[in-house]
Amino acid sequence: MSLITYREALSAALWEEMERDENVFLIGEDIGLGGGAFYVTKGFQQRFGRDRVVDAPLSEAGFTGAAIGAALTGMRPVVEYQFADFVTETFKMIVDFAAGNHYRRMGPVPIVFRLPAAALVSGGPYHSQNPEIWFFGTPGLKIAAPATAYDAKGMLKQAIRDDNPVIFIEYKKFYSYRPEDLPAPLRIEVPEGDYTVPFGQARTLREGEDLTLLTFGTTVLEALEAAQVLESEGVSVEVIDLRTLVPLDKEAILASVRKTGKLLILHEARKRGGVGGELAAIVAEEVFEHLDAPIRRVGAAESPVPLSPPLEKAYLPSTAKVVEALRELAAF
């Protein structure tokens, strides 16, 4: 057991799975000699060779289609996109041929799509988007969104072994965070050996009695910071990291709302059309009688992701915005 970075955890998962199963291979732009845009696969091509660490041409639709074809023949490809935004070139391949074939053939399509996502250092509208809503409503796809190094390793190994196609969202902000710089609930030791993290099991990062705060991905940071502020004001906030969006741990969500009676949903993506709307609908449909206040959501502004650093900061959900929403709920 040791404290390692998110990037190191992902690298360890891929390395161990390639050692374990010769059917696992990697494909993407610059992942071989370059080690990938974020160096997760640095040194892999030297160890596993060019047939298993494939430097693809600059055609996301092309190498995604090739990987899906390989999955249909029994291989277990892991596709890396330099940025999650570039996956828009591949919708037909992923939605129709990966998810669609898994349903139509009633058979396995074991493929993982690694998507480095979310805002970081003013990447703007082509390098900073959150892709979960593009795939959230597609039957046949699983969606993982790990926020800790422990989950990054265990969930990536689980995704590779899964017979379903998996959208695996990685958060660029977390790649280089040193463990000592993270809040205690996110500072989890990672086993050096083999383990997996089952999908569909949310984690309670902080116990609370007065309010439920549902979140995932990068905004676990703002959620924990805001909960700490509310604690100093005498309000107890329960913070839940969803970990996977499909499958969703409905029981954990509903149990928490039954206990607290108040719900705030937080994610980095824009509110309109976001995952938060579906979460709110589930709670309203199934435990409405337990609600003591309207459900609230906090997300990004209604805009493309700005390039300007000050505008990007204003665009994103902040701790201050979460604190304000929690205070309003607490006072209701």
C-alpha atoms as a PDB file:
ATOM      1  CA  MET A   1       0.000   0.000   0.000  1.00  0.00           C
ATOM      2  CA  SER A   2       1.320   3.444  -0.871  1.00  0.00           C
ATOM      3  CA  LEU A   3       0.209   6.970  -1.685  1.00  0.00           C
ATOM      4  CA  ILE A   4       0.684   7.577  -5.409  1.00  0.00           C
ATOM      5  CA  THR A   5      -0.608  10.080  -7.933  1.00  0.00           C
ATOM      6  CA  TYR A   6      -3.687   9.624 -10.091  1.00  0.00           C
ATOM      7  CA  ARG A   7      -1.435   9.342 -13.171  1.00  0.00           C
ATOM      8  CA  GLU A   8       0.732   6.684 -11.537  1.00  0.00           C
ATOM      9  CA  ALA A   9      -2.379   4.725 -10.575  1.00  0.00           C
ATOM     10  CA  LEU A  10      -3.655   4.695 -14.159  1.00  0.00           C
ATOM     11  CA  SER A  11      -0.256   3.621 -15.468  1.00  0.00           C
ATOM     12  CA  ALA A  12      -0.087   0.806 -12.933  1.00  0.00           C
ATOM     13  CA  ALA A  13      -3.552  -0.450 -13.900  1.00  0.00           C
ATOM     14  CA  LEU A  14      -2.723  -0.545 -17.604  1.00  0.00           C
ATOM     15  CA  TRP A  15       0.686  -2.154 -17.058  1.00  0.00           C
ATOM     16  CA  GLU A  16      -0.682  -4.866 -14.768  1.00  0.00           C
ATOM     17  CA  GLU A  17      -3.595  -5.681 -17.077  1.00  0.00           C
ATOM     18  CA  MET A  18      -1.301  -5.944 -20.096  1.00  0.00           C
ATOM     19  CA  GLU A  19       0.956  -8.282 -18.131  1.00  0.00           C
ATOM     20  CA  ARG A  20      -2.066 -10.327 -17.019  1.00  0.00           C
ATOM     21  CA  ASP A  21      -3.903 -10.656 -20.351  1.00  0.00           C
ATOM     22  CA  GLU A  22      -2.211 -10.701 -23.750  1.00  0.00           C
ATOM     23  CA  ASN A  23      -5.521  -9.727 -25.401  1.00  0.00           C
ATOM     24  CA  VAL A  24      -5.283  -6.250 -23.858  1.00  0.00           C
ATOM     25  CA  PHE A  25      -3.738  -3.657 -26.147  1.00  0.00           C
ATOM     26  CA  LEU A  26      -3.586   0.142 -26.282  1.00  0.00           C
ATOM     27  CA  ILE A  27      -4.273   2.420 -29.230  1.00  0.00           C
ATOM     28  CA  GLY A  28      -4.207   6.194 -29.577  1.00  0.00           C
ATOM     29  CA  GLU A  29      -2.274   9.178 -30.844  1.00  0.00           C
ATOM     30  CA  ASP A  30       1.329   9.487 -29.593  1.00  0.00           C
ATOM     31  CA  ILE A  31       0.827   6.889 -26.862  1.00  0.00           C
ATOM     32  CA  GLY A  32       3.886   4.865 -27.856  1.00  0.00           C
ATOM     33  CA  LEU A  33       7.027   6.911 -28.354  1.00  0.00           C
ATOM     34  CA  GLY A  34       5.411   9.953 -26.737  1.00  0.00           C
ATOM     35  CA  GLY A  35       3.768   8.163 -23.830  1.00  0.00           C
ATOM     36  CA  GLY A  36       0.472   9.939 -24.455  1.00  0.00           C
ATOM     37  CA  ALA A  37      -0.537  13.567 -24.035  1.00  0.00           C
ATOM     38  CA  PHE A  38      -0.296  13.178 -20.253  1.00  0.00           C
ATOM     39  CA  TYR A  39       2.466  10.518 -20.157  1.00  0.00           C
ATOM     40  CA  VAL A  40       0.278   7.782 -18.698  1.00  0.00           C
ATOM     41  CA  THR A  41       1.745   5.206 -21.112  1.00  0.00           C
ATOM     42  CA  LYS A  42       5.360   6.367 -20.980  1.00  0.00           C
ATOM     43  CA  GLY A  43       7.665   3.374 -21.494  1.00  0.00           C
ATOM     44  CA  PHE A  44       4.861   0.997 -22.487  1.00  0.00           C
ATOM     45  CA  GLN A  45       5.870   0.561 -26.118  1.00  0.00           C
ATOM     46  CA  GLN A  46       9.417  -0.353 -25.124  1.00  0.00           C
ATOM     47  CA  ARG A  47       8.064  -3.082 -22.849  1.00  0.00           C
ATOM     48  CA  PHE A  48       5.094  -4.431 -24.819  1.00  0.00           C
ATOM     49  CA  GLY A  49       6.020  -3.610 -28.409  1.00  0.00           C
ATOM     50  CA  ARG A  50       4.349  -1.725 -31.232  1.00  0.00           C
ATOM     51  CA  ASP A  51       1.679  -4.379 -31.825  1.00  0.00           C
ATOM     52  CA  ARG A  52       0.222  -3.866 -28.339  1.00  0.00           C
ATOM     53  CA  VAL A  53       0.912  -0.139 -27.918  1.00  0.00           C
ATOM     54  CA  VAL A  54      -0.268   1.250 -31.226  1.00  0.00           C
ATOM     55  CA  ASP A  55       0.546   4.798 -32.317  1.00  0.00           C
ATOM     56  CA  ALA A  56      -2.514   5.648 -34.390  1.00  0.00           C
ATOM     57  CA  PRO A  57      -2.808   8.251 -37.158  1.00  0.00           C
ATOM     58  CA  LEU A  58      -4.621  11.514 -36.515  1.00  0.00           C
ATOM     59  CA  SER A  59      -8.109  10.079 -37.068  1.00  0.00           C
ATOM     60  CA  GLU A  60     -10.151   9.450 -33.942  1.00  0.00           C
ATOM     61  CA  ALA A  61     -12.991   7.876 -35.922  1.00  0.00           C
ATOM     62  CA  GLY A  62     -10.541   5.610 -37.735  1.00  0.00           C
ATOM     63  CA  PHE A  63      -8.671   4.164 -34.784  1.00  0.00           C
ATOM     64  CA  THR A  64     -11.841   3.973 -32.686  1.00  0.00           C
ATOM     65  CA  GLY A  65     -13.500   1.891 -35.388  1.00  0.00           C
ATOM     66  CA  ALA A  66     -10.450  -0.352 -35.662  1.00  0.00           C
ATOM     67  CA  ALA A  67     -10.452  -0.890 -31.894  1.00  0.00           C
ATOM     68  CA  ILE A  68     -14.167  -1.740 -31.835  1.00  0.00           C
ATOM     69  CA  GLY A  69     -13.581  -4.267 -34.601  1.00  0.00           C
ATOM     70  CA  ALA A  70     -10.809  -5.826 -32.529  1.00  0.00           C
ATOM     71  CA  ALA A  71     -13.130  -6.008 -29.512  1.00  0.00           C
ATOM     72  CA  LEU A  72     -15.730  -7.825 -31.603  1.00  0.00           C
ATOM     73  CA  THR A  73     -13.136 -10.510 -32.368  1.00  0.00           C
ATOM     74  CA  GLY A  74     -12.207 -11.094 -28.722  1.00  0.00           C
ATOM     75  CA  MET A  75      -9.430  -8.574 -28.079  1.00  0.00           C
ATOM     76  CA  ARG A  76      -9.634  -6.079 -25.198  1.00  0.00           C
ATOM     77  CA  PRO A  77      -8.583  -2.703 -26.588  1.00  0.00           C
ATOM     78  CA  VAL A  78      -8.062   0.411 -24.489  1.00  0.00           C
ATOM     79  CA  VAL A  79      -8.509   3.538 -26.608  1.00  0.00           C
ATOM     80  CA  GLU A  80      -6.869   6.777 -25.480  1.00  0.00           C
ATOM     81  CA  TYR A  81      -7.943  10.198 -26.733  1.00  0.00           C
ATOM     82  CA  GLN A  82      -5.575  13.094 -26.178  1.00  0.00           C
ATOM     83  CA  PHE A  83      -8.488  15.148 -24.856  1.00  0.00           C
ATOM     84  CA  ALA A  84     -12.064  14.088 -24.167  1.00  0.00           C
ATOM     85  CA  ASP A  85     -13.309  16.781 -26.540  1.00  0.00           C
ATOM     86  CA  PHE A  86     -11.912  14.854 -29.522  1.00  0.00           C
ATOM     87  CA  VAL A  87     -14.305  11.966 -28.893  1.00  0.00           C
ATOM     88  CA  THR A  88     -16.978  13.972 -30.729  1.00  0.00           C
ATOM     89  CA  GLU A  89     -15.382  12.666 -33.939  1.00  0.00           C
ATOM     90  CA  THR A  90     -16.353   9.118 -32.922  1.00  0.00           C
ATOM     91  CA  PHE A  91     -20.002   9.246 -31.829  1.00  0.00           C
ATOM     92  CA  LYS A  92     -21.268   6.930 -34.558  1.00  0.00           C
ATOM     93  CA  MET A  93     -18.564   4.391 -33.794  1.00  0.00           C
ATOM     94  CA  ILE A  94     -19.127   4.375 -30.022  1.00  0.00           C
ATOM     95  CA  VAL A  95     -22.915   4.754 -29.919  1.00  0.00           C
ATOM     96  CA  ASP A  96     -23.896   2.614 -32.923  1.00  0.00           C
ATOM     97  CA  PHE A  97     -21.098   0.077 -33.214  1.00  0.00           C
ATOM     98  CA  ALA A  98     -19.792  -0.388 -29.652  1.00  0.00           C
ATOM     99  CA  ALA A  99     -22.919   0.139 -27.543  1.00  0.00           C
ATOM    100  CA  GLY A 100     -25.245  -0.902 -30.369  1.00  0.00           C
ATOM    101  CA  ASN A 101     -23.472  -4.156 -31.153  1.00  0.00           C
ATOM    102  CA  HIS A 102     -23.308  -5.078 -27.493  1.00  0.00           C
ATOM    103  CA  TYR A 103     -27.121  -4.923 -27.489  1.00  0.00           C
ATOM    104  CA  ARG A 104     -27.856  -6.352 -30.946  1.00  0.00           C
ATOM    105  CA  ARG A 105     -25.457  -9.285 -30.757  1.00  0.00           C
ATOM    106  CA  MET A 106     -26.229 -10.065 -27.102  1.00  0.00           C
ATOM    107  CA  GLY A 107     -22.510 -10.644 -26.789  1.00  0.00           C
ATOM    108  CA  PRO A 108     -19.393  -8.997 -25.396  1.00  0.00           C
ATOM    109  CA  VAL A 109     -17.816  -5.816 -26.740  1.00  0.00           C
ATOM    110  CA  PRO A 110     -14.931  -5.446 -24.263  1.00  0.00           C
ATOM    111  CA  ILE A 111     -13.473  -2.004 -24.958  1.00  0.00           C
ATOM    112  CA  VAL A 112     -12.463   0.970 -22.817  1.00  0.00           C
ATOM    113  CA  PHE A 113     -12.467   4.578 -24.035  1.00  0.00           C
ATOM    114  CA  ARG A 114     -10.114   6.724 -21.910  1.00  0.00           C
ATOM    115  CA  LEU A 115     -11.176  10.378 -21.959  1.00  0.00           C
ATOM    116  CA  PRO A 116      -8.956  13.023 -20.254  1.00  0.00           C
ATOM    117  CA  ALA A 117     -11.595  15.589 -19.362  1.00  0.00           C
ATOM    118  CA  ALA A 118     -12.601  18.835 -17.682  1.00  0.00           C
ATOM    119  CA  ALA A 119     -11.079  22.280 -17.350  1.00  0.00           C
ATOM    120  CA  LEU A 120      -7.383  22.866 -16.764  1.00  0.00           C
ATOM    121  CA  VAL A 121      -5.083  25.843 -17.456  1.00  0.00           C
ATOM    122  CA  SER A 122      -7.444  27.577 -19.874  1.00  0.00           C
ATOM    123  CA  GLY A 123      -7.749  24.881 -22.512  1.00  0.00           C
ATOM    124  CA  GLY A 124     -10.868  26.505 -23.906  1.00  0.00           C
ATOM    125  CA  PRO A 125     -13.790  24.888 -25.726  1.00  0.00           C
ATOM    126  CA  TYR A 126     -11.686  22.280 -27.561  1.00  0.00           C
ATOM    127  CA  HIS A 127      -9.712  20.888 -24.612  1.00  0.00           C
ATOM    128  CA  SER A 128     -11.810  21.377 -21.458  1.00  0.00           C
ATOM    129  CA  GLN A 129     -15.257  19.865 -21.873  1.00  0.00           C
ATOM    130  CA  ASN A 130     -17.016  17.297 -19.705  1.00  0.00           C
ATOM    131  CA  PRO A 131     -18.171  14.401 -21.912  1.00  0.00           C
ATOM    132  CA  GLU A 132     -20.441  12.405 -19.612  1.00  0.00           C
ATOM    133  CA  ILE A 133     -23.727  13.852 -20.825  1.00  0.00           C
ATOM    134  CA  TRP A 134     -22.922  12.956 -24.443  1.00  0.00           C
ATOM    135  CA  PHE A 135     -23.082   9.259 -23.516  1.00  0.00           C
ATOM    136  CA  PHE A 136     -25.216   9.189 -20.360  1.00  0.00           C
ATOM    137  CA  GLY A 137     -28.407   8.262 -22.213  1.00  0.00           C
ATOM    138  CA  THR A 138     -26.877   5.592 -24.454  1.00  0.00           C
ATOM    139  CA  PRO A 139     -27.958   2.040 -23.529  1.00  0.00           C
ATOM    140  CA  GLY A 140     -25.064  -0.393 -23.529  1.00  0.00           C
ATOM    141  CA  LEU A 141     -22.383   1.977 -22.258  1.00  0.00           C
ATOM    142  CA  LYS A 142     -20.997   2.110 -18.740  1.00  0.00           C
ATOM    143  CA  ILE A 143     -19.517   5.392 -17.483  1.00  0.00           C
ATOM    144  CA  ALA A 144     -16.813   5.561 -14.819  1.00  0.00           C
ATOM    145  CA  ALA A 145     -15.614   8.831 -13.285  1.00  0.00           C
ATOM    146  CA  PRO A 146     -12.889   8.151 -10.682  1.00  0.00           C
ATOM    147  CA  ALA A 147     -11.823  11.000  -8.397  1.00  0.00           C
ATOM    148  CA  THR A 148      -9.056   9.274  -6.422  1.00  0.00           C
ATOM    149  CA  ALA A 149      -5.904   7.344  -7.275  1.00  0.00           C
ATOM    150  CA  TYR A 150      -7.383   4.294  -5.546  1.00  0.00           C
ATOM    151  CA  ASP A 151     -10.457   4.408  -7.770  1.00  0.00           C
ATOM    152  CA  ALA A 152      -8.450   5.275 -10.876  1.00  0.00           C
ATOM    153  CA  LYS A 153      -6.450   2.057 -10.643  1.00  0.00           C
ATOM    154  CA  GLY A 154      -9.187  -0.262  -9.396  1.00  0.00           C
ATOM    155  CA  MET A 155     -11.882   1.038 -11.725  1.00  0.00           C
ATOM    156  CA  LEU A 156      -9.661   1.008 -14.810  1.00  0.00           C
ATOM    157  CA  LYS A 157      -8.797  -2.635 -14.140  1.00  0.00           C
ATOM    158  CA  GLN A 158     -12.511  -3.341 -13.671  1.00  0.00           C
ATOM    159  CA  ALA A 159     -13.300  -1.550 -16.942  1.00  0.00           C
ATOM    160  CA  ILE A 160     -10.717  -3.551 -18.900  1.00  0.00           C
ATOM    161  CA  ARG A 161     -12.132  -6.831 -17.585  1.00  0.00           C
ATOM    162  CA  ASP A 162     -15.742  -5.807 -18.251  1.00  0.00           C
ATOM    163  CA  ASP A 163     -17.469  -7.241 -21.311  1.00  0.00           C
ATOM    164  CA  ASN A 164     -19.358  -3.964 -21.807  1.00  0.00           C
ATOM    165  CA  PRO A 165     -17.933  -0.924 -23.573  1.00  0.00           C
ATOM    166  CA  VAL A 166     -16.864   1.561 -20.886  1.00  0.00           C
ATOM    167  CA  ILE A 167     -16.483   5.342 -21.095  1.00  0.00           C
ATOM    168  CA  PHE A 168     -13.658   5.970 -18.632  1.00  0.00           C
ATOM    169  CA  ILE A 169     -13.424   9.651 -17.712  1.00  0.00           C
ATOM    170  CA  GLU A 170     -10.080  10.813 -16.332  1.00  0.00           C
ATOM    171  CA  TYR A 171      -9.753  14.260 -14.784  1.00  0.00           C
ATOM    172  CA  LYS A 172      -6.709  16.190 -15.971  1.00  0.00           C
ATOM    173  CA  LYS A 173      -6.647  18.263 -12.802  1.00  0.00           C
ATOM    174  CA  PHE A 174      -5.908  15.134 -10.769  1.00  0.00           C
ATOM    175  CA  TYR A 175      -3.063  13.718 -12.886  1.00  0.00           C
ATOM    176  CA  SER A 176      -0.252  15.476 -11.036  1.00  0.00           C
ATOM    177  CA  TYR A 177      -1.791  16.271  -7.654  1.00  0.00           C
ATOM    178  CA  ARG A 178       0.553  15.072  -4.941  1.00  0.00           C
ATOM    179  CA  PRO A 179      -1.293  12.942  -2.378  1.00  0.00           C
ATOM    180  CA  GLU A 180      -0.258  15.258   0.455  1.00  0.00           C
ATOM    181  CA  ASP A 181      -2.011  18.169  -1.286  1.00  0.00           C
ATOM    182  CA  LEU A 182      -5.396  16.417  -1.319  1.00  0.00           C
ATOM    183  CA  PRO A 183      -8.028  16.524   1.445  1.00  0.00           C
ATOM    184  CA  ALA A 184      -7.983  13.486   3.727  1.00  0.00           C
ATOM    185  CA  PRO A 185     -11.057  11.727   2.216  1.00  0.00           C
ATOM    186  CA  LEU A 186      -9.297  11.645  -1.174  1.00  0.00           C
ATOM    187  CA  ARG A 187      -5.896  10.608   0.185  1.00  0.00           C
ATOM    188  CA  ILE A 188      -6.307   6.831  -0.066  1.00  0.00           C
ATOM    189  CA  GLU A 189      -3.433   4.363  -0.170  1.00  0.00           C
ATOM    190  CA  VAL A 190      -3.281   2.263  -3.327  1.00  0.00           C
ATOM    191  CA  PRO A 191      -2.445  -1.467  -3.146  1.00  0.00           C
ATOM    192  CA  GLU A 192       0.605  -2.495  -5.131  1.00  0.00           C
ATOM    193  CA  GLY A 193      -1.016  -5.778  -6.118  1.00  0.00           C
ATOM    194  CA  ASP A 194      -4.155  -6.634  -8.017  1.00  0.00           C
ATOM    195  CA  TYR A 195      -7.585  -5.312  -7.019  1.00  0.00           C
ATOM    196  CA  THR A 196     -10.687  -3.988  -8.736  1.00  0.00           C
ATOM    197  CA  VAL A 197     -13.354  -1.482  -7.732  1.00  0.00           C
ATOM    198  CA  PRO A 198     -16.874  -2.697  -8.630  1.00  0.00           C
ATOM    199  CA  PHE A 199     -19.033  -0.327 -10.640  1.00  0.00           C
ATOM    200  CA  GLY A 200     -22.244   1.068  -9.177  1.00  0.00           C
ATOM    201  CA  GLN A 201     -20.986   1.640  -5.628  1.00  0.00           C
ATOM    202  CA  ALA A 202     -20.909   5.257  -4.478  1.00  0.00           C
ATOM    203  CA  ARG A 203     -18.594   6.326  -1.658  1.00  0.00           C
ATOM    204  CA  THR A 204     -19.578   8.583   1.228  1.00  0.00           C
ATOM    205  CA  LEU A 205     -16.649  10.976   1.578  1.00  0.00           C
ATOM    206  CA  ARG A 206     -18.132  12.749   4.570  1.00  0.00           C
ATOM    207  CA  GLU A 207     -20.992  11.744   6.863  1.00  0.00           C
ATOM    208  CA  GLY A 208     -23.707  14.316   7.533  1.00  0.00           C
ATOM    209  CA  GLU A 209     -27.209  14.747   8.921  1.00  0.00           C
ATOM    210  CA  ASP A 210     -28.629  18.014   7.550  1.00  0.00           C
ATOM    211  CA  LEU A 211     -27.916  18.064   3.806  1.00  0.00           C
ATOM    212  CA  THR A 212     -26.892  15.643   1.052  1.00  0.00           C
ATOM    213  CA  LEU A 213     -24.346  16.814  -1.525  1.00  0.00           C
ATOM    214  CA  LEU A 214     -24.016  14.522  -4.562  1.00  0.00           C
ATOM    215  CA  THR A 215     -20.992  15.001  -6.799  1.00  0.00           C
ATOM    216  CA  PHE A 216     -18.373  13.252  -8.931  1.00  0.00           C
ATOM    217  CA  GLY A 217     -15.114  14.027 -10.697  1.00  0.00           C
ATOM    218  CA  THR A 218     -13.225  17.253 -10.078  1.00  0.00           C
ATOM    219  CA  THR A 219     -15.950  18.871  -7.992  1.00  0.00           C
ATOM    220  CA  VAL A 220     -15.389  16.489  -5.091  1.00  0.00           C
ATOM    221  CA  LEU A 221     -12.783  19.095  -4.080  1.00  0.00           C
ATOM    222  CA  GLU A 222     -15.245  21.985  -3.961  1.00  0.00           C
ATOM    223  CA  ALA A 223     -17.817  19.751  -2.269  1.00  0.00           C
ATOM    224  CA  LEU A 224     -15.485  18.853   0.597  1.00  0.00           C
ATOM    225  CA  GLU A 225     -14.293  22.444   1.012  1.00  0.00           C
ATOM    226  CA  ALA A 226     -17.860  23.754   1.111  1.00  0.00           C
ATOM    227  CA  ALA A 227     -18.929  21.076   3.594  1.00  0.00           C
ATOM    228  CA  GLN A 228     -16.089  22.154   5.871  1.00  0.00           C
ATOM    229  CA  VAL A 229     -17.308  25.763   5.752  1.00  0.00           C
ATOM    230  CA  LEU A 230     -20.874  24.718   6.588  1.00  0.00           C
ATOM    231  CA  GLU A 231     -19.631  22.610   9.488  1.00  0.00           C
ATOM    232  CA  SER A 232     -18.127  25.736  11.045  1.00  0.00           C
ATOM    233  CA  GLU A 233     -21.624  27.245  10.836  1.00  0.00           C
ATOM    234  CA  GLY A 234     -23.261  24.293  12.560  1.00  0.00           C
ATOM    235  CA  VAL A 235     -24.619  22.555   9.442  1.00  0.00           C
ATOM    236  CA  SER A 236     -23.743  18.897   8.821  1.00  0.00           C
ATOM    237  CA  VAL A 237     -23.304  18.060   5.111  1.00  0.00           C
ATOM    238  CA  GLU A 238     -23.065  14.514   3.772  1.00  0.00           C
ATOM    239  CA  VAL A 239     -20.811  14.364   0.685  1.00  0.00           C
ATOM    240  CA  ILE A 240     -21.234  11.424  -1.699  1.00  0.00           C
ATOM    241  CA  ASP A 241     -18.903  10.663  -4.620  1.00  0.00           C
ATOM    242  CA  LEU A 242     -20.941   8.764  -7.213  1.00  0.00           C
ATOM    243  CA  ARG A 243     -17.805   7.168  -8.772  1.00  0.00           C
ATOM    244  CA  THR A 244     -19.786   5.678 -11.675  1.00  0.00           C
ATOM    245  CA  LEU A 245     -22.672   7.314 -13.515  1.00  0.00           C
ATOM    246  CA  VAL A 246     -23.730   4.115 -15.289  1.00  0.00           C
ATOM    247  CA  PRO A 247     -24.471   2.008 -13.335  1.00  0.00           C
ATOM    248  CA  LEU A 248     -25.688   4.468 -10.719  1.00  0.00           C
ATOM    249  CA  ASP A 249     -25.848   3.665  -7.009  1.00  0.00           C
ATOM    250  CA  LYS A 250     -29.467   4.712  -6.546  1.00  0.00           C
ATOM    251  CA  GLU A 251     -29.778   3.111  -3.133  1.00  0.00           C
ATOM    252  CA  ALA A 252     -26.939   5.167  -1.662  1.00  0.00           C
ATOM    253  CA  ILE A 253     -28.453   8.348  -3.085  1.00  0.00           C
ATOM    254  CA  LEU A 254     -31.982   7.653  -1.876  1.00  0.00           C
ATOM    255  CA  ALA A 255     -30.860   6.488   1.568  1.00  0.00           C
ATOM    256  CA  SER A 256     -28.936   9.707   2.131  1.00  0.00           C
ATOM    257  CA  VAL A 257     -31.824  11.913   0.989  1.00  0.00           C
ATOM    258  CA  ARG A 258     -34.243  10.006   3.228  1.00  0.00           C
ATOM    259  CA  LYS A 259     -31.915  10.806   6.122  1.00  0.00           C
ATOM    260  CA  THR A 260     -31.213  14.492   5.424  1.00  0.00           C
ATOM    261  CA  GLY A 261     -34.319  15.656   3.535  1.00  0.00           C
ATOM    262  CA  LYS A 262     -32.316  18.158   1.461  1.00  0.00           C
ATOM    263  CA  LEU A 263     -30.280  17.657  -1.709  1.00  0.00           C
ATOM    264  CA  LEU A 264     -27.686  19.649  -3.624  1.00  0.00           C
ATOM    265  CA  ILE A 265     -26.215  18.195  -6.827  1.00  0.00           C
ATOM    266  CA  LEU A 266     -22.829  19.474  -7.987  1.00  0.00           C
ATOM    267  CA  HIS A 267     -20.908  18.822 -11.199  1.00  0.00           C
ATOM    268  CA  GLU A 268     -18.452  20.739 -13.365  1.00  0.00           C
ATOM    269  CA  ALA A 269     -20.519  20.463 -16.537  1.00  0.00           C
ATOM    270  CA  ARG A 270     -23.263  22.949 -17.348  1.00  0.00           C
ATOM    271  CA  LYS A 271     -26.551  22.485 -15.506  1.00  0.00           C
ATOM    272  CA  ARG A 272     -28.746  22.402 -18.616  1.00  0.00           C
ATOM    273  CA  GLY A 273     -28.870  18.850 -19.911  1.00  0.00           C
ATOM    274  CA  GLY A 274     -26.440  17.680 -17.250  1.00  0.00           C
ATOM    275  CA  VAL A 275     -26.409  14.521 -15.167  1.00  0.00           C
ATOM    276  CA  GLY A 276     -27.761  16.547 -12.253  1.00  0.00           C
ATOM    277  CA  GLY A 277     -31.160  16.835 -13.903  1.00  0.00           C
ATOM    278  CA  GLU A 278     -31.534  13.046 -14.083  1.00  0.00           C
ATOM    279  CA  LEU A 279     -30.378  12.660 -10.481  1.00  0.00           C
ATOM    280  CA  ALA A 280     -32.932  15.251  -9.382  1.00  0.00           C
ATOM    281  CA  ALA A 281     -35.674  13.436 -11.299  1.00  0.00           C
ATOM    282  CA  ILE A 282     -34.816  10.100  -9.668  1.00  0.00           C
ATOM    283  CA  VAL A 283     -34.971  11.616  -6.192  1.00  0.00           C
ATOM    284  CA  ALA A 284     -38.191  13.532  -6.917  1.00  0.00           C
ATOM    285  CA  GLU A 285     -39.888  10.428  -8.320  1.00  0.00           C
ATOM    286  CA  GLU A 286     -38.813   7.993  -5.619  1.00  0.00           C
ATOM    287  CA  VAL A 287     -38.448   9.875  -2.311  1.00  0.00           C
ATOM    288  CA  PHE A 288     -40.366  13.111  -2.847  1.00  0.00           C
ATOM    289  CA  GLU A 289     -42.179  12.716   0.472  1.00  0.00           C
ATOM    290  CA  HIS A 290     -38.842  12.880   2.303  1.00  0.00           C
ATOM    291  CA  LEU A 291     -37.796  16.220   0.806  1.00  0.00           C
ATOM    292  CA  ASP A 292     -37.941  19.256   3.082  1.00  0.00           C
ATOM    293  CA  ALA A 293     -36.723  21.714   0.428  1.00  0.00           C
ATOM    294  CA  PRO A 294     -36.503  22.026  -3.365  1.00  0.00           C
ATOM    295  CA  ILE A 295     -33.612  20.142  -4.963  1.00  0.00           C
ATOM    296  CA  ARG A 296     -30.759  22.471  -5.934  1.00  0.00           C
ATOM    297  CA  ARG A 297     -28.081  22.113  -8.609  1.00  0.00           C
ATOM    298  CA  VAL A 298     -24.732  23.834  -9.073  1.00  0.00           C
ATOM    299  CA  GLY A 299     -22.871  23.550 -12.370  1.00  0.00           C
ATOM    300  CA  ALA A 300     -20.935  25.585 -14.895  1.00  0.00           C
ATOM    301  CA  ALA A 301     -22.289  28.709 -16.559  1.00  0.00           C
ATOM    302  CA  GLU A 302     -24.364  28.517 -19.740  1.00  0.00           C
ATOM    303  CA  SER A 303     -21.442  29.084 -22.090  1.00  0.00           C
ATOM    304  CA  PRO A 304     -18.732  27.238 -23.991  1.00  0.00           C
ATOM    305  CA  VAL A 305     -15.640  26.769 -21.832  1.00  0.00           C
ATOM    306  CA  PRO A 306     -13.762  30.101 -22.047  1.00  0.00           C
ATOM    307  CA  LEU A 307     -10.086  30.432 -22.966  1.00  0.00           C
ATOM    308  CA  SER A 308      -9.559  33.507 -20.796  1.00  0.00           C
ATOM    309  CA  PRO A 309      -8.348  32.525 -17.285  1.00  0.00           C
ATOM    310  CA  PRO A 310     -10.634  35.032 -15.485  1.00  0.00           C
ATOM    311  CA  LEU A 311     -13.617  33.959 -17.584  1.00  0.00           C
ATOM    312  CA  GLU A 312     -12.833  30.270 -17.051  1.00  0.00           C
ATOM    313  CA  LYS A 313     -12.750  30.885 -13.307  1.00  0.00           C
ATOM    314  CA  ALA A 314     -16.122  32.635 -13.458  1.00  0.00           C
ATOM    315  CA  TYR A 315     -17.538  29.877 -15.668  1.00  0.00           C
ATOM    316  CA  LEU A 316     -16.682  26.980 -13.351  1.00  0.00           C
ATOM    317  CA  PRO A 317     -18.550  26.049 -10.160  1.00  0.00           C
ATOM    318  CA  SER A 318     -16.540  27.329  -7.204  1.00  0.00           C
ATOM    319  CA  THR A 319     -16.470  26.576  -3.502  1.00  0.00           C
ATOM    320  CA  ALA A 320     -18.113  29.955  -2.888  1.00  0.00           C
ATOM    321  CA  LYS A 321     -21.022  29.075  -5.200  1.00  0.00           C
ATOM    322  CA  VAL A 322     -21.486  25.725  -3.471  1.00  0.00           C
ATOM    323  CA  VAL A 323     -21.382  27.338  -0.028  1.00  0.00           C
ATOM    324  CA  GLU A 324     -24.042  29.845  -1.093  1.00  0.00           C
ATOM    325  CA  ALA A 325     -26.341  27.088  -2.379  1.00  0.00           C
ATOM    326  CA  LEU A 326     -25.847  24.993   0.764  1.00  0.00           C
ATOM    327  CA  ARG A 327     -26.652  27.966   2.992  1.00  0.00           C
ATOM    328  CA  GLU A 328     -29.866  28.618   1.075  1.00  0.00           C
ATOM    329  CA  LEU A 329     -30.895  24.985   1.447  1.00  0.00           C
ATOM    330  CA  ALA A 330     -30.002  24.910   5.133  1.00  0.00           C
ATOM    331  CA  ALA A 331     -32.146  27.973   5.772  1.00  0.00           C
ATOM    332  CA  PHE A 332     -35.175  26.642   3.882  1.00  0.00           C
END
